[in-house]
Amino acid sequence: MVRANGAVSLRELARVVQTSEVTVRRDVRALEAEGLLDRRHGGAVLPGGFTRESGFPQKSHLATAEKTAIADLAASFVEEGEAIVVGAGTTTQELARRLARVPGLTVVTNSLLVAQALAHANRVEVVMTGGTLRGSNYALVGSGAEQSLQGLRVSRAFLSGSGLTAERGLSTSNMLSASVDRALVQAAAEVVVLADHTKLGTDTMFQTVPTDLITRLVTDEPPAHDDRAGTELQALADQGVQIAVAGAAGNEGGGPAGVRQRRDVPLPGPRRQGLRTAVALGPAGEQGQAPEQQRSARVADLRRR
């Protein structure tokens, strides 16, 4: 089975070569180490994915449960009356649908899909950038979009992308999209990246947000066998990125549906217990601490481990 991102599933590889998935997974790891292919969640693709980008119809059907959970958790960090920027992407579109319930919110965006999701929210003001429409992801790009963001200042930027690594940060496959995302980052006091586990450890052509500018990553829990995603989470935490993990199912502790309030992130292999995350739901946080104190405590806890 060839997926929308061009990956061939491990199950299909095992069927074709008439061996077990365990053997195929081991061989795929060996081939990746030699640079002969790139691993993806549950499959593999030929190398050279730096210039490849899936269109919106393909992206909208990938990791849908994970994106929903990530959007639920990300929305809990947005406060009433805030001014924020929201970039283009299928995950940010999910976030926008939840932001419609936040009163007094101002959302600046270059995404037609984000604006559409908020069009009927009578308590949310939507400000769109100028620019040229990029049809593949329904986003406004180019010098018009970038110029309209000059002089803007908001509290947070919520961005997605094609890949996220500790070494380069957030990246995307399109130069025009990357340039607008960088302008969105310049307008925000904090940067929140929304990326499901399939993007962790994936590097694409154009850097949008270097790691040292990422305040928080909102992601889902990687599968136990996903060594690359688990290792990348650890590396991001080591560099001071606050990690918030949303569960694709279940609801523990009375928080928003699909969100785990506090849990260990299982890292594959010998580093399984190396990363702990404390997810604060909403601005009020826990135990009466101020938000800045909570953030500092979480970063210190991550670094000690």
Protein backbone atom coordinates (compact mmCIF):
# COMPACT_ATOMS: atom_id res chain seq x y z
CA MET A 1 0.00 0.00 0.00
CA VAL A 2 1.44 3.39 -1.05
CA ARG A 3 0.25 6.19 1.23
CA ALA A 4 -0.55 9.81 0.38
CA ASN A 5 2.93 10.90 1.49
CA GLY A 6 4.54 8.42 -0.92
CA ALA A 7 5.46 5.91 1.78
CA VAL A 8 5.20 2.17 1.27
CA SER A 9 3.82 0.43 4.36
CA LEU A 10 5.94 -2.12 6.21
CA ARG A 11 3.08 -4.60 6.01
CA GLU A 12 3.04 -4.36 2.21
CA LEU A 13 6.84 -4.72 2.06
CA ALA A 14 6.65 -7.83 4.24
CA ARG A 15 3.97 -9.31 1.98
CA VAL A 16 5.95 -8.64 -1.19
CA VAL A 17 9.23 -10.13 0.08
CA GLN A 18 7.40 -12.87 2.02
CA THR A 19 8.93 -12.23 5.43
CA SER A 20 7.83 -10.82 8.79
CA GLU A 21 7.25 -7.14 9.60
CA VAL A 22 9.90 -7.44 12.32
CA THR A 23 12.50 -8.45 9.75
CA VAL A 24 11.40 -5.72 7.34
CA ARG A 25 11.57 -3.09 10.10
CA ARG A 26 15.13 -4.17 10.96
CA ASP A 27 16.18 -4.04 7.30
CA VAL A 28 14.54 -0.64 6.81
CA ARG A 29 16.54 0.75 9.74
CA ALA A 30 19.75 -0.58 8.22
CA LEU A 31 18.93 0.96 4.83
CA GLU A 32 18.08 4.29 6.46
CA ALA A 33 21.46 4.29 8.23
CA GLU A 34 23.10 3.95 4.79
CA GLY A 35 21.04 6.82 3.38
CA LEU A 36 19.18 4.58 0.93
CA LEU A 37 15.70 5.45 2.17
CA ASP A 38 13.82 7.57 4.71
CA ARG A 39 11.59 6.01 7.34
CA ARG A 40 8.06 7.24 7.94
CA HIS A 41 5.56 6.11 10.57
CA GLY A 42 4.70 2.54 9.61
CA GLY A 43 6.51 2.71 6.28
CA ALA A 44 9.39 4.03 4.17
CA VAL A 45 10.02 6.35 1.21
CA LEU A 46 12.90 6.92 -1.18
CA PRO A 47 15.33 9.61 0.00
CA GLY A 48 15.13 13.15 -1.30
CA GLY A 49 11.93 14.24 0.44
CA PHE A 50 13.29 17.75 1.02
CA THR A 51 11.47 19.09 -2.03
CA ARG A 52 8.29 17.00 -1.86
CA GLU A 53 5.07 18.44 -0.49
CA SER A 54 1.66 16.80 -0.35
CA GLY A 55 -1.36 18.83 -1.35
CA PHE A 56 -4.15 19.82 1.02
CA PRO A 57 -6.48 16.90 0.11
CA GLN A 58 -3.76 14.39 1.01
CA LYS A 59 -2.70 16.19 4.20
CA SER A 60 -6.27 16.51 5.47
CA HIS A 61 -6.60 12.71 5.68
CA LEU A 62 -3.31 12.07 7.51
CA ALA A 63 -3.18 11.61 11.31
CA THR A 64 -6.67 13.06 11.73
CA ALA A 65 -7.23 11.78 15.29
CA GLU A 66 -3.83 13.10 16.37
CA LYS A 67 -4.50 16.53 14.84
CA THR A 68 -7.84 16.75 16.63
CA ALA A 69 -6.26 15.99 20.00
CA ILE A 70 -3.41 18.44 19.36
CA ALA A 71 -5.90 21.18 18.45
CA ASP A 72 -7.91 20.53 21.64
CA LEU A 73 -4.82 20.94 23.78
CA ALA A 74 -3.44 23.93 21.89
CA ALA A 75 -6.74 25.79 22.25
CA SER A 76 -6.50 25.45 26.03
CA PHE A 77 -3.44 27.71 26.02
CA VAL A 78 -5.35 30.60 24.42
CA GLU A 79 -6.76 33.18 26.81
CA GLU A 80 -9.85 35.34 26.51
CA GLY A 81 -9.12 38.68 24.87
CA GLU A 82 -5.75 37.64 23.39
CA ALA A 83 -4.37 38.67 20.02
CA ILE A 84 -2.65 35.78 18.22
CA VAL A 85 -1.44 34.76 14.78
CA VAL A 86 -2.34 31.39 13.27
CA GLY A 87 -0.46 30.04 10.26
CA ALA A 88 -1.68 27.83 7.44
CA GLY A 89 -2.08 24.06 7.75
CA THR A 90 -4.55 21.29 8.43
CA THR A 91 -3.70 21.18 12.16
CA THR A 92 -4.05 24.94 12.56
CA GLN A 93 -7.39 24.70 10.78
CA GLU A 94 -8.52 22.27 13.48
CA LEU A 95 -7.28 24.72 16.11
CA ALA A 96 -9.26 27.56 14.53
CA ARG A 97 -12.49 25.61 14.85
CA ARG A 98 -11.94 25.49 18.61
CA LEU A 99 -10.91 29.13 18.89
CA ALA A 100 -14.40 30.18 17.74
CA ARG A 101 -15.50 29.70 21.37
CA VAL A 102 -12.91 32.08 22.89
CA PRO A 103 -14.52 35.50 23.52
CA GLY A 104 -12.71 38.71 22.67
CA LEU A 105 -10.08 36.94 20.60
CA THR A 106 -8.28 38.58 17.68
CA VAL A 107 -6.78 36.18 15.13
CA VAL A 108 -4.38 37.31 12.42
CA THR A 109 -3.91 34.71 9.69
CA ASN A 110 -2.77 34.17 6.12
CA SER A 111 -4.92 31.03 5.81
CA LEU A 112 -8.29 31.08 4.05
CA LEU A 113 -9.20 27.85 5.86
CA VAL A 114 -8.46 29.35 9.29
CA ALA A 115 -10.49 32.45 8.40
CA GLN A 116 -13.36 30.30 7.14
CA ALA A 117 -13.42 28.30 10.38
CA LEU A 118 -13.79 31.57 12.34
CA ALA A 119 -16.07 33.40 9.89
CA HIS A 120 -19.25 32.89 11.96
CA ALA A 121 -17.67 33.37 15.41
CA ASN A 122 -19.30 36.64 16.44
CA ARG A 123 -16.95 37.14 19.41
CA VAL A 124 -13.74 36.66 17.41
CA GLU A 125 -12.18 39.29 15.17
CA VAL A 126 -10.35 37.90 12.15
CA VAL A 127 -7.61 39.91 10.42
CA MET A 128 -6.27 38.54 7.14
CA THR A 129 -2.95 39.36 5.55
CA GLY A 130 -2.66 40.46 1.96
CA GLY A 131 -0.72 38.45 -0.58
CA THR A 132 -1.08 36.02 -3.45
CA LEU A 133 -3.22 32.92 -3.04
CA ARG A 134 -1.32 29.63 -3.04
CA GLY A 135 -4.00 27.16 -4.08
CA SER A 136 -2.35 23.98 -2.82
CA ASN A 137 -2.85 24.97 0.82
CA TYR A 138 -5.27 27.93 0.54
CA ALA A 139 -2.73 30.34 2.02
CA LEU A 140 -1.77 33.92 1.15
CA VAL A 141 1.95 34.23 0.44
CA GLY A 142 4.44 36.59 -1.14
CA SER A 143 5.59 40.13 -0.44
CA GLY A 144 2.04 41.39 0.10
CA ALA A 145 1.51 38.96 2.97
CA GLU A 146 4.88 39.74 4.53
CA GLN A 147 4.47 43.51 4.30
CA SER A 148 1.04 43.40 5.94
CA LEU A 149 2.66 41.80 9.01
CA GLN A 150 5.24 44.54 9.52
CA GLY A 151 4.74 46.41 12.78
CA LEU A 152 2.37 43.75 14.14
CA ARG A 153 2.79 42.49 17.71
CA VAL A 154 0.75 39.67 19.28
CA SER A 155 1.14 37.36 22.25
CA ARG A 156 1.49 34.00 20.47
CA ALA A 157 1.99 32.45 17.07
CA PHE A 158 0.55 29.00 16.35
CA LEU A 159 2.34 27.36 13.44
CA SER A 160 2.54 24.00 11.75
CA GLY A 161 4.91 22.75 9.07
CA SER A 162 6.20 19.76 7.12
CA GLY A 163 8.88 18.63 9.57
CA LEU A 164 10.43 19.30 12.98
CA THR A 165 13.91 18.44 14.24
CA ALA A 166 15.91 19.57 17.25
CA GLU A 167 18.78 20.51 14.95
CA ARG A 168 16.93 22.86 12.56
CA GLY A 169 13.56 23.43 14.18
CA LEU A 170 10.38 23.71 12.12
CA SER A 171 10.66 23.51 8.34
CA THR A 172 8.51 23.37 5.23
CA SER A 173 8.92 22.35 1.61
CA ASN A 174 7.84 25.64 0.01
CA MET A 175 9.96 28.80 -0.03
CA LEU A 176 7.03 31.25 -0.16
CA SER A 177 5.23 29.58 2.73
CA ALA A 178 8.43 29.54 4.79
CA SER A 179 8.98 33.25 4.25
CA VAL A 180 5.48 34.17 5.46
CA ASP A 181 5.81 31.86 8.48
CA ARG A 182 9.03 33.63 9.45
CA ALA A 183 7.18 36.95 9.31
CA LEU A 184 4.45 35.50 11.56
CA VAL A 185 7.11 34.44 14.07
CA GLN A 186 8.61 37.94 14.13
CA ALA A 187 5.22 39.32 15.18
CA ALA A 188 4.79 37.05 18.23
CA ALA A 189 6.18 37.08 21.75
CA GLU A 190 5.89 33.27 21.94
CA VAL A 191 5.88 30.55 19.28
CA VAL A 192 3.76 27.41 19.66
CA VAL A 193 4.39 24.64 17.13
CA LEU A 194 1.65 22.11 16.37
CA ALA A 195 3.14 18.90 14.97
CA ASP A 196 1.94 15.32 15.17
CA HIS A 197 4.53 12.58 15.81
CA THR A 198 4.87 11.72 12.09
CA LYS A 199 6.62 15.08 11.56
CA LEU A 200 9.13 14.61 14.38
CA GLY A 201 12.59 13.88 13.00
CA THR A 202 11.57 14.92 9.48
CA ASP A 203 13.66 17.67 7.89
CA THR A 204 12.44 19.60 4.86
CA MET A 205 13.96 22.21 2.62
CA PHE A 206 13.20 25.62 4.14
CA GLN A 207 13.61 26.45 7.82
CA THR A 208 10.78 28.52 9.30
CA VAL A 209 11.42 28.54 13.07
CA PRO A 210 14.82 27.65 14.58
CA THR A 211 14.61 25.54 17.72
CA ASP A 212 15.73 28.30 20.06
CA LEU A 213 12.69 30.39 19.07
CA ILE A 214 10.14 27.62 19.76
CA THR A 215 8.48 28.18 23.14
CA ARG A 216 6.24 25.12 23.15
CA LEU A 217 5.58 22.04 21.06
CA VAL A 218 2.09 20.54 21.12
CA THR A 219 2.19 17.00 19.79
CA ASP A 220 0.71 13.55 20.31
CA GLU A 221 2.36 10.59 22.00
CA PRO A 222 4.54 8.65 19.56
CA PRO A 223 4.10 4.88 19.30
CA ALA A 224 6.49 2.84 21.46
CA HIS A 225 8.29 1.50 18.38
CA ASP A 226 8.85 4.96 16.85
CA ASP A 227 12.48 5.47 17.88
CA ARG A 228 13.00 8.56 15.78
CA ALA A 229 10.03 10.53 17.15
CA GLY A 230 10.87 9.59 20.75
CA THR A 231 14.51 10.56 20.37
CA GLU A 232 13.56 13.87 18.72
CA LEU A 233 11.19 14.72 21.57
CA GLN A 234 14.00 14.16 24.05
CA ALA A 235 16.38 16.35 22.04
CA LEU A 236 13.83 19.15 21.79
CA ALA A 237 13.22 19.00 25.55
CA ASP A 238 16.97 19.11 26.19
CA GLN A 239 17.08 22.40 24.25
CA GLY A 240 14.42 23.96 26.47
CA VAL A 241 11.31 23.47 24.33
CA GLN A 242 8.24 22.91 26.52
CA ILE A 243 6.56 19.67 25.46
CA ALA A 244 2.77 19.32 25.71
CA VAL A 245 1.44 15.88 24.77
CA ALA A 246 -2.16 15.25 23.75
CA GLY A 247 -3.73 11.80 23.69
CA ALA A 248 -5.66 10.78 20.61
CA ALA A 249 -8.16 8.93 22.81
CA GLY A 250 -9.33 8.90 26.38
CA ASN A 251 -9.77 11.65 28.92
CA GLU A 252 -7.91 11.52 32.18
CA GLY A 253 -8.39 13.85 35.10
CA GLY A 254 -11.37 15.75 33.77
CA GLY A 255 -9.53 17.89 31.20
CA PRO A 256 -10.63 18.53 27.64
CA ALA A 257 -11.60 15.43 25.67
CA GLY A 258 -8.63 13.64 24.24
CA VAL A 259 -6.09 15.42 26.46
CA ARG A 260 -3.93 13.72 29.04
CA GLN A 261 -3.22 16.17 31.83
CA ARG A 262 -0.03 14.59 33.13
CA ARG A 263 1.79 11.48 32.02
CA ASP A 264 5.18 10.08 31.06
CA VAL A 265 6.06 10.06 27.39
CA PRO A 266 7.40 6.55 26.70
CA LEU A 267 10.66 6.81 24.79
CA PRO A 268 11.53 3.70 22.79
CA GLY A 269 14.53 1.61 23.80
CA PRO A 270 16.93 2.42 26.63
CA ARG A 271 15.82 6.08 26.86
CA ARG A 272 12.19 5.18 27.50
CA GLN A 273 12.07 6.90 30.90
CA GLY A 274 14.14 9.91 29.89
CA LEU A 275 11.37 12.44 29.29
CA ARG A 276 8.52 13.56 31.50
CA THR A 277 5.97 16.16 30.51
CA ALA A 278 3.56 18.13 32.64
CA VAL A 279 0.75 19.54 30.57
CA ALA A 280 -0.98 22.56 32.09
CA LEU A 281 -4.52 22.89 30.77
CA GLY A 282 -5.32 26.52 30.18
CA PRO A 283 -3.74 29.67 31.60
CA ALA A 284 -4.75 29.02 35.20
CA GLY A 285 -2.37 26.07 35.49
CA GLU A 286 -2.09 24.06 38.69
CA GLN A 287 -1.37 24.44 42.38
CA GLY A 288 -1.86 28.23 42.30
CA GLN A 289 1.37 28.95 40.45
CA ALA A 290 1.67 31.79 37.97
CA PRO A 291 1.99 30.66 34.33
CA GLU A 292 5.62 31.81 34.13
CA GLN A 293 6.48 29.82 37.27
CA GLN A 294 4.80 26.75 35.81
CA ARG A 295 6.69 27.09 32.55
CA SER A 296 10.03 27.55 34.33
CA ALA A 297 9.35 24.56 36.54
CA ARG A 298 8.50 22.35 33.56
CA VAL A 299 11.61 23.36 31.64
CA ALA A 300 13.79 22.77 34.71
CA ASP A 301 12.18 19.36 35.24
CA LEU A 302 12.77 18.39 31.62
CA ARG A 303 16.39 19.53 31.72
CA ARG A 304 17.17 17.65 34.95
CA ARG A 305 16.09 14.46 33.23
